[in-house]
Amino acid sequence: MHMTNGRHRPGLPAAALALTLALAACQSPPTDRPLTSEVPEPPGFAAPPESCQAAAVRFGVGLRASPQLMDEMRQRARPA
């Protein structure tokens, strides 16, 4: 705690601590590896189905979900 002309300066210790932490952070080695050309391939995506079966299961929109309704929707959505 510093006293100057009878006044208390509460921000000075906090500022000194922040400056010390900032300087210490500058001294730590980087944790990231440098960029190289050895980059793995991006993940692949699943192929889309041959045809969309959304119209076949549209009857179920707005109905209360039940195991029977889900089974019927699965059966109708199977490709012919």
PDB file of N, CA and C in Angstrom:
ATOM      1  N   MET A   1       0.858  -1.164   0.000  1.00  0.00           N
ATOM      2  CA  MET A   1       0.000   0.000   0.000  1.00  0.00           C
ATOM      3  C   MET A   1       0.903   1.226   0.000  1.00  0.00           C
ATOM      4  N   HIS A   2       0.666   2.140  -0.930  1.00  0.00           N
ATOM      5  CA  HIS A   2       1.465   3.345  -1.052  1.00  0.00           C
ATOM      6  C   HIS A   2       0.657   4.541  -0.580  1.00  0.00           C
ATOM      7  N   MET A   3       1.324   5.387   0.135  1.00  0.00           N
ATOM      8  CA  MET A   3       0.690   6.620   0.607  1.00  0.00           C
ATOM      9  C   MET A   3       1.418   7.786  -0.028  1.00  0.00           C
ATOM     10  N   THR A   4       0.693   8.640  -0.678  1.00  0.00           N
ATOM     11  CA  THR A   4       1.270   9.840  -1.273  1.00  0.00           C
ATOM     12  C   THR A   4       0.437  11.022  -0.825  1.00  0.00           C
ATOM     13  N   ASN A   5       1.068  11.906  -0.082  1.00  0.00           N
ATOM     14  CA  ASN A   5       0.390  13.090   0.458  1.00  0.00           C
ATOM     15  C   ASN A   5      -0.882  12.709   1.207  1.00  0.00           C
ATOM     16  N   GLY A   6      -0.832  11.612   1.924  1.00  0.00           N
ATOM     17  CA  GLY A   6      -1.984  11.193   2.715  1.00  0.00           C
ATOM     18  C   GLY A   6      -3.044  10.465   1.901  1.00  0.00           C
ATOM     19  N   ARG A   7      -2.808  10.224   0.611  1.00  0.00           N
ATOM     20  CA  ARG A   7      -3.799   9.540  -0.227  1.00  0.00           C
ATOM     21  C   ARG A   7      -3.372   8.094  -0.462  1.00  0.00           C
ATOM     22  N   HIS A   8      -4.330   7.254  -0.558  1.00  0.00           N
ATOM     23  CA  HIS A   8      -4.082   5.844  -0.830  1.00  0.00           C
ATOM     24  C   HIS A   8      -4.235   5.623  -2.331  1.00  0.00           C
ATOM     25  N   ARG A   9      -3.264   4.916  -2.946  1.00  0.00           N
ATOM     26  CA  ARG A   9      -3.318   4.636  -4.382  1.00  0.00           C
ATOM     27  C   ARG A   9      -3.539   3.134  -4.560  1.00  0.00           C
ATOM     28  N   PRO A  10      -4.815   2.678  -4.596  1.00  0.00           N
ATOM     29  CA  PRO A  10      -5.101   1.245  -4.641  1.00  0.00           C
ATOM     30  C   PRO A  10      -4.753   0.588  -5.978  1.00  0.00           C
ATOM     31  N   GLY A  11      -4.650   1.324  -7.057  1.00  0.00           N
ATOM     32  CA  GLY A  11      -4.430   0.727  -8.366  1.00  0.00           C
ATOM     33  C   GLY A  11      -2.986   0.376  -8.646  1.00  0.00           C
ATOM     34  N   LEU A  12      -2.047   0.932  -7.892  1.00  0.00           N
ATOM     35  CA  LEU A  12      -0.642   0.707  -8.181  1.00  0.00           C
ATOM     36  C   LEU A  12      -0.215  -0.743  -7.983  1.00  0.00           C
ATOM     37  N   PRO A  13      -0.536  -1.437  -6.889  1.00  0.00           N
ATOM     38  CA  PRO A  13      -0.145  -2.847  -6.772  1.00  0.00           C
ATOM     39  C   PRO A  13      -0.790  -3.725  -7.843  1.00  0.00           C
ATOM     40  N   ALA A  14      -2.032  -3.464  -8.190  1.00  0.00           N
ATOM     41  CA  ALA A  14      -2.710  -4.250  -9.227  1.00  0.00           C
ATOM     42  C   ALA A  14      -2.060  -4.020 -10.578  1.00  0.00           C
ATOM     43  N   ALA A  15      -1.672  -2.786 -10.873  1.00  0.00           N
ATOM     44  CA  ALA A  15      -1.017  -2.486 -12.142  1.00  0.00           C
ATOM     45  C   ALA A  15       0.354  -3.153 -12.210  1.00  0.00           C
ATOM     46  N   ALA A  16       1.073  -3.163 -11.111  1.00  0.00           N
ATOM     47  CA  ALA A  16       2.385  -3.809 -11.089  1.00  0.00           C
ATOM     48  C   ALA A  16       2.242  -5.314 -11.293  1.00  0.00           C
ATOM     49  N   LEU A  17       1.229  -5.916 -10.686  1.00  0.00           N
ATOM     50  CA  LEU A  17       0.989  -7.344 -10.861  1.00  0.00           C
ATOM     51  C   LEU A  17       0.616  -7.653 -12.306  1.00  0.00           C
ATOM     52  N   ALA A  18      -0.236  -6.846 -12.907  1.00  0.00           N
ATOM     53  CA  ALA A  18      -0.641  -7.060 -14.298  1.00  0.00           C
ATOM     54  C   ALA A  18       0.552  -6.932 -15.231  1.00  0.00           C
ATOM     55  N   LEU A  19       1.415  -5.955 -14.984  1.00  0.00           N
ATOM     56  CA  LEU A  19       2.604  -5.775 -15.812  1.00  0.00           C
ATOM     57  C   LEU A  19       3.548  -6.968 -15.672  1.00  0.00           C
ATOM     58  N   THR A  20       3.717  -7.462 -14.453  1.00  0.00           N
ATOM     59  CA  THR A  20       4.573  -8.626 -14.221  1.00  0.00           C
ATOM     60  C   THR A  20       4.042  -9.853 -14.947  1.00  0.00           C
ATOM     61  N   LEU A  21       2.723 -10.081 -14.889  1.00  0.00           N
ATOM     62  CA  LEU A  21       2.123 -11.227 -15.571  1.00  0.00           C
ATOM     63  C   LEU A  21       2.234 -11.093 -17.086  1.00  0.00           C
ATOM     64  N   ALA A  22       2.059  -9.885 -17.590  1.00  0.00           N
ATOM     65  CA  ALA A  22       2.162  -9.671 -19.035  1.00  0.00           C
ATOM     66  C   ALA A  22       3.580  -9.931 -19.521  1.00  0.00           C
ATOM     67  N   LEU A  23       4.565  -9.478 -18.762  1.00  0.00           N
ATOM     68  CA  LEU A  23       5.949  -9.713 -19.163  1.00  0.00           C
ATOM     69  C   LEU A  23       6.321 -11.191 -19.051  1.00  0.00           C
ATOM     70  N   ALA A  24       5.776 -11.871 -18.063  1.00  0.00           N
ATOM     71  CA  ALA A  24       6.049 -13.296 -17.918  1.00  0.00           C
ATOM     72  C   ALA A  24       5.436 -14.079 -19.073  1.00  0.00           C
ATOM     73  N   ALA A  25       4.277 -13.669 -19.545  1.00  0.00           N
ATOM     74  CA  ALA A  25       3.630 -14.355 -20.659  1.00  0.00           C
ATOM     75  C   ALA A  25       4.445 -14.198 -21.936  1.00  0.00           C
ATOM     76  N   CYS A  26       5.133 -13.087 -22.091  1.00  0.00           N
ATOM     77  CA  CYS A  26       5.951 -12.873 -23.275  1.00  0.00           C
ATOM     78  C   CYS A  26       7.180 -13.775 -23.276  1.00  0.00           C
ATOM     79  N   GLN A  27       7.593 -14.252 -22.128  1.00  0.00           N
ATOM     80  CA  GLN A  27       8.792 -15.064 -22.024  1.00  0.00           C
ATOM     81  C   GLN A  27       8.537 -16.550 -22.246  1.00  0.00           C
ATOM     82  N   SER A  28       7.283 -16.985 -22.213  1.00  0.00           N
ATOM     83  CA  SER A  28       7.009 -18.408 -22.366  1.00  0.00           C
ATOM     84  C   SER A  28       7.139 -18.807 -23.837  1.00  0.00           C
ATOM     85  N   PRO A  29       7.618 -20.026 -24.106  1.00  0.00           N
ATOM     86  CA  PRO A  29       7.781 -20.463 -25.491  1.00  0.00           C
ATOM     87  C   PRO A  29       6.421 -20.718 -26.140  1.00  0.00           C
ATOM     88  N   PRO A  30       6.323 -20.587 -27.446  1.00  0.00           N
ATOM     89  CA  PRO A  30       5.036 -20.843 -28.103  1.00  0.00           C
ATOM     90  C   PRO A  30       4.676 -22.316 -28.017  1.00  0.00           C
ATOM     91  N   THR A  31       3.395 -22.592 -27.859  1.00  0.00           N
ATOM     92  CA  THR A  31       2.937 -23.976 -27.750  1.00  0.00           C
ATOM     93  C   THR A  31       2.464 -24.515 -29.091  1.00  0.00           C
ATOM     94  N   ASP A  32       2.178 -23.659 -30.057  1.00  0.00           N
ATOM     95  CA  ASP A  32       1.716 -24.113 -31.364  1.00  0.00           C
ATOM     96  C   ASP A  32       2.901 -24.536 -32.217  1.00  0.00           C
ATOM     97  N   ARG A  33       2.682 -25.553 -33.013  1.00  0.00           N
ATOM     98  CA  ARG A  33       3.747 -25.970 -33.909  1.00  0.00           C
ATOM     99  C   ARG A  33       3.709 -25.086 -35.153  1.00  0.00           C
ATOM    100  N   PRO A  34       4.809 -24.891 -35.808  1.00  0.00           N
ATOM    101  CA  PRO A  34       4.805 -24.066 -37.016  1.00  0.00           C
ATOM    102  C   PRO A  34       4.021 -24.750 -38.128  1.00  0.00           C
ATOM    103  N   LEU A  35       3.487 -23.945 -39.018  1.00  0.00           N
ATOM    104  CA  LEU A  35       2.733 -24.493 -40.137  1.00  0.00           C
ATOM    105  C   LEU A  35       3.662 -25.228 -41.092  1.00  0.00           C
ATOM    106  N   THR A  36       3.212 -26.378 -41.529  1.00  0.00           N
ATOM    107  CA  THR A  36       3.988 -27.152 -42.488  1.00  0.00           C
ATOM    108  C   THR A  36       3.069 -27.604 -43.607  1.00  0.00           C
ATOM    109  N   SER A  37       3.642 -28.234 -44.608  1.00  0.00           N
ATOM    110  CA  SER A  37       2.829 -28.752 -45.700  1.00  0.00           C
ATOM    111  C   SER A  37       2.266 -30.122 -45.361  1.00  0.00           C
ATOM    112  N   GLU A  38       2.607 -30.669 -44.204  1.00  0.00           N
ATOM    113  CA  GLU A  38       2.134 -31.983 -43.782  1.00  0.00           C
ATOM    114  C   GLU A  38       0.811 -31.863 -43.037  1.00  0.00           C
ATOM    115  N   VAL A  39      -0.216 -31.481 -43.756  1.00  0.00           N
ATOM    116  CA  VAL A  39      -1.534 -31.281 -43.175  1.00  0.00           C
ATOM    117  C   VAL A  39      -2.405 -32.477 -43.550  1.00  0.00           C
ATOM    118  N   PRO A  40      -3.112 -33.054 -42.582  1.00  0.00           N
ATOM    119  CA  PRO A  40      -3.970 -34.189 -42.923  1.00  0.00           C
ATOM    120  C   PRO A  40      -5.138 -33.746 -43.803  1.00  0.00           C
ATOM    121  N   GLU A  41      -5.669 -34.697 -44.553  1.00  0.00           N
ATOM    122  CA  GLU A  41      -6.814 -34.424 -45.413  1.00  0.00           C
ATOM    123  C   GLU A  41      -8.033 -34.080 -44.553  1.00  0.00           C
ATOM    124  N   PRO A  42      -8.901 -33.216 -45.054  1.00  0.00           N
ATOM    125  CA  PRO A  42     -10.117 -32.919 -44.287  1.00  0.00           C
ATOM    126  C   PRO A  42     -11.030 -34.137 -44.255  1.00  0.00           C
ATOM    127  N   PRO A  43     -11.915 -34.209 -43.271  1.00  0.00           N
ATOM    128  CA  PRO A  43     -12.792 -35.374 -43.180  1.00  0.00           C
ATOM    129  C   PRO A  43     -13.745 -35.440 -44.367  1.00  0.00           C
ATOM    130  N   GLY A  44     -14.106 -36.638 -44.743  1.00  0.00           N
ATOM    131  CA  GLY A  44     -15.054 -36.820 -45.838  1.00  0.00           C
ATOM    132  C   GLY A  44     -16.482 -36.770 -45.329  1.00  0.00           C
ATOM    133  N   PHE A  45     -17.389 -36.574 -46.229  1.00  0.00           N
ATOM    134  CA  PHE A  45     -18.802 -36.515 -45.868  1.00  0.00           C
ATOM    135  C   PHE A  45     -19.514 -37.725 -46.447  1.00  0.00           C
ATOM    136  N   ALA A  46     -20.578 -38.124 -45.809  1.00  0.00           N
ATOM    137  CA  ALA A  46     -21.361 -39.252 -46.295  1.00  0.00           C
ATOM    138  C   ALA A  46     -22.040 -38.861 -47.601  1.00  0.00           C
ATOM    139  N   ALA A  47     -22.114 -39.797 -48.495  1.00  0.00           N
ATOM    140  CA  ALA A  47     -22.771 -39.535 -49.773  1.00  0.00           C
ATOM    141  C   ALA A  47     -24.271 -39.366 -49.540  1.00  0.00           C
ATOM    142  N   PRO A  48     -24.908 -38.451 -50.258  1.00  0.00           N
ATOM    143  CA  PRO A  48     -26.356 -38.279 -50.089  1.00  0.00           C
ATOM    144  C   PRO A  48     -27.100 -39.484 -50.653  1.00  0.00           C
ATOM    145  N   PRO A  49     -28.294 -39.737 -50.165  1.00  0.00           N
ATOM    146  CA  PRO A  49     -29.053 -40.867 -50.696  1.00  0.00           C
ATOM    147  C   PRO A  49     -29.384 -40.636 -52.176  1.00  0.00           C
ATOM    148  N   GLU A  50     -29.676 -41.713 -52.848  1.00  0.00           N
ATOM    149  CA  GLU A  50     -29.970 -41.634 -54.282  1.00  0.00           C
ATOM    150  C   GLU A  50     -31.192 -40.767 -54.563  1.00  0.00           C
ATOM    151  N   SER A  51     -32.193 -40.861 -53.705  1.00  0.00           N
ATOM    152  CA  SER A  51     -33.388 -40.043 -53.909  1.00  0.00           C
ATOM    153  C   SER A  51     -33.928 -39.605 -52.551  1.00  0.00           C
ATOM    154  N   CYS A  52     -34.579 -38.488 -52.540  1.00  0.00           N
ATOM    155  CA  CYS A  52     -35.134 -37.941 -51.301  1.00  0.00           C
ATOM    156  C   CYS A  52     -36.497 -38.582 -51.041  1.00  0.00           C
ATOM    157  N   GLN A  53     -36.701 -39.019 -49.826  1.00  0.00           N
ATOM    158  CA  GLN A  53     -37.956 -39.671 -49.452  1.00  0.00           C
ATOM    159  C   GLN A  53     -38.787 -38.803 -48.505  1.00  0.00           C
ATOM    160  N   ALA A  54     -38.537 -37.501 -48.502  1.00  0.00           N
ATOM    161  CA  ALA A  54     -39.234 -36.620 -47.566  1.00  0.00           C
ATOM    162  C   ALA A  54     -40.740 -36.599 -47.803  1.00  0.00           C
ATOM    163  N   ALA A  55     -41.174 -36.648 -49.051  1.00  0.00           N
ATOM    164  CA  ALA A  55     -42.610 -36.601 -49.340  1.00  0.00           C
ATOM    165  C   ALA A  55     -43.330 -37.813 -48.761  1.00  0.00           C
ATOM    166  N   ALA A  56     -42.653 -38.933 -48.682  1.00  0.00           N
ATOM    167  CA  ALA A  56     -43.286 -40.156 -48.186  1.00  0.00           C
ATOM    168  C   ALA A  56     -43.566 -40.101 -46.695  1.00  0.00           C
ATOM    169  N   VAL A  57     -42.814 -39.305 -45.964  1.00  0.00           N
ATOM    170  CA  VAL A  57     -43.000 -39.250 -44.513  1.00  0.00           C
ATOM    171  C   VAL A  57     -43.601 -37.929 -44.053  1.00  0.00           C
ATOM    172  N   ARG A  58     -44.008 -37.111 -45.002  1.00  0.00           N
ATOM    173  CA  ARG A  58     -44.575 -35.805 -44.653  1.00  0.00           C
ATOM    174  C   ARG A  58     -45.876 -35.945 -43.863  1.00  0.00           C
ATOM    175  N   PHE A  59     -46.562 -37.072 -43.984  1.00  0.00           N
ATOM    176  CA  PHE A  59     -47.815 -37.273 -43.252  1.00  0.00           C
ATOM    177  C   PHE A  59     -47.607 -37.167 -41.746  1.00  0.00           C
ATOM    178  N   GLY A  60     -46.383 -37.437 -41.270  1.00  0.00           N
ATOM    179  CA  GLY A  60     -46.114 -37.460 -39.836  1.00  0.00           C
ATOM    180  C   GLY A  60     -45.836 -36.102 -39.221  1.00  0.00           C
ATOM    181  N   VAL A  61     -45.744 -35.073 -40.049  1.00  0.00           N
ATOM    182  CA  VAL A  61     -45.463 -33.734 -39.515  1.00  0.00           C
ATOM    183  C   VAL A  61     -46.660 -33.263 -38.691  1.00  0.00           C
ATOM    184  N   GLY A  62     -46.386 -32.852 -37.472  1.00  0.00           N
ATOM    185  CA  GLY A  62     -47.430 -32.331 -36.588  1.00  0.00           C
ATOM    186  C   GLY A  62     -48.084 -33.387 -35.719  1.00  0.00           C
ATOM    187  N   LEU A  63     -47.801 -34.667 -35.984  1.00  0.00           N
ATOM    188  CA  LEU A  63     -48.375 -35.725 -35.158  1.00  0.00           C
ATOM    189  C   LEU A  63     -47.481 -35.979 -33.952  1.00  0.00           C
ATOM    190  N   ARG A  64     -48.097 -36.486 -32.896  1.00  0.00           N
ATOM    191  CA  ARG A  64     -47.333 -36.827 -31.692  1.00  0.00           C
ATOM    192  C   ARG A  64     -46.453 -38.039 -31.987  1.00  0.00           C
ATOM    193  N   ALA A  65     -45.166 -37.906 -31.657  1.00  0.00           N
ATOM    194  CA  ALA A  65     -44.217 -38.987 -31.922  1.00  0.00           C
ATOM    195  C   ALA A  65     -44.522 -40.184 -31.027  1.00  0.00           C
ATOM    196  N   SER A  66     -44.555 -41.351 -31.633  1.00  0.00           N
ATOM    197  CA  SER A  66     -44.747 -42.603 -30.901  1.00  0.00           C
ATOM    198  C   SER A  66     -43.914 -43.663 -31.605  1.00  0.00           C
ATOM    199  N   PRO A  67     -43.644 -44.762 -30.934  1.00  0.00           N
ATOM    200  CA  PRO A  67     -42.871 -45.817 -31.597  1.00  0.00           C
ATOM    201  C   PRO A  67     -43.551 -46.329 -32.874  1.00  0.00           C
ATOM    202  N   GLN A  68     -44.880 -46.412 -32.855  1.00  0.00           N
ATOM    203  CA  GLN A  68     -45.601 -46.886 -34.033  1.00  0.00           C
ATOM    204  C   GLN A  68     -45.461 -45.911 -35.190  1.00  0.00           C
ATOM    205  N   LEU A  69     -45.572 -44.608 -34.904  1.00  0.00           N
ATOM    206  CA  LEU A  69     -45.432 -43.596 -35.949  1.00  0.00           C
ATOM    207  C   LEU A  69     -44.013 -43.613 -36.514  1.00  0.00           C
ATOM    208  N   MET A  70     -43.015 -43.740 -35.654  1.00  0.00           N
ATOM    209  CA  MET A  70     -41.627 -43.771 -36.125  1.00  0.00           C
ATOM    210  C   MET A  70     -41.382 -44.987 -37.022  1.00  0.00           C
ATOM    211  N   ASP A  71     -41.935 -46.135 -36.637  1.00  0.00           N
ATOM    212  CA  ASP A  71     -41.780 -47.332 -37.465  1.00  0.00           C
ATOM    213  C   ASP A  71     -42.427 -47.149 -38.834  1.00  0.00           C
ATOM    214  N   GLU A  72     -43.629 -46.592 -38.845  1.00  0.00           N
ATOM    215  CA  GLU A  72     -44.316 -46.370 -40.125  1.00  0.00           C
ATOM    216  C   GLU A  72     -43.529 -45.379 -40.996  1.00  0.00           C
ATOM    217  N   MET A  73     -42.996 -44.344 -40.394  1.00  0.00           N
ATOM    218  CA  MET A  73     -42.216 -43.367 -41.160  1.00  0.00           C
ATOM    219  C   MET A  73     -40.943 -44.011 -41.715  1.00  0.00           C
ATOM    220  N   ARG A  74     -40.287 -44.862 -40.942  1.00  0.00           N
ATOM    221  CA  ARG A  74     -39.090 -45.562 -41.432  1.00  0.00           C
ATOM    222  C   ARG A  74     -39.426 -46.469 -42.599  1.00  0.00           C
ATOM    223  N   GLN A  75     -40.546 -47.176 -42.488  1.00  0.00           N
ATOM    224  CA  GLN A  75     -40.947 -48.078 -43.575  1.00  0.00           C
ATOM    225  C   GLN A  75     -41.251 -47.303 -44.845  1.00  0.00           C
ATOM    226  N   ARG A  76     -41.951 -46.168 -44.726  1.00  0.00           N
ATOM    227  CA  ARG A  76     -42.283 -45.374 -45.903  1.00  0.00           C
ATOM    228  C   ARG A  76     -41.052 -44.693 -46.510  1.00  0.00           C
ATOM    229  N   ALA A  77     -40.057 -44.432 -45.691  1.00  0.00           N
ATOM    230  CA  ALA A  77     -38.867 -43.716 -46.182  1.00  0.00           C
ATOM    231  C   ALA A  77     -37.858 -44.637 -46.860  1.00  0.00           C
ATOM    232  N   ARG A  78     -38.019 -45.932 -46.748  1.00  0.00           N
ATOM    233  CA  ARG A  78     -37.098 -46.858 -47.390  1.00  0.00           C
ATOM    234  C   ARG A  78     -37.191 -46.697 -48.908  1.00  0.00           C
ATOM    235  N   PRO A  79     -36.027 -46.712 -49.543  1.00  0.00           N
ATOM    236  CA  PRO A  79     -36.044 -46.599 -51.005  1.00  0.00           C
ATOM    237  C   PRO A  79     -36.724 -47.819 -51.630  1.00  0.00           C
ATOM    238  N   ALA A  80     -37.405 -47.556 -52.686  1.00  0.00           N
ATOM    239  CA  ALA A  80     -38.148 -48.633 -53.372  1.00  0.00           C
ATOM    240  C   ALA A  80     -37.243 -49.551 -54.127  1.00  0.00           C
TER     241      ALA A  80
END
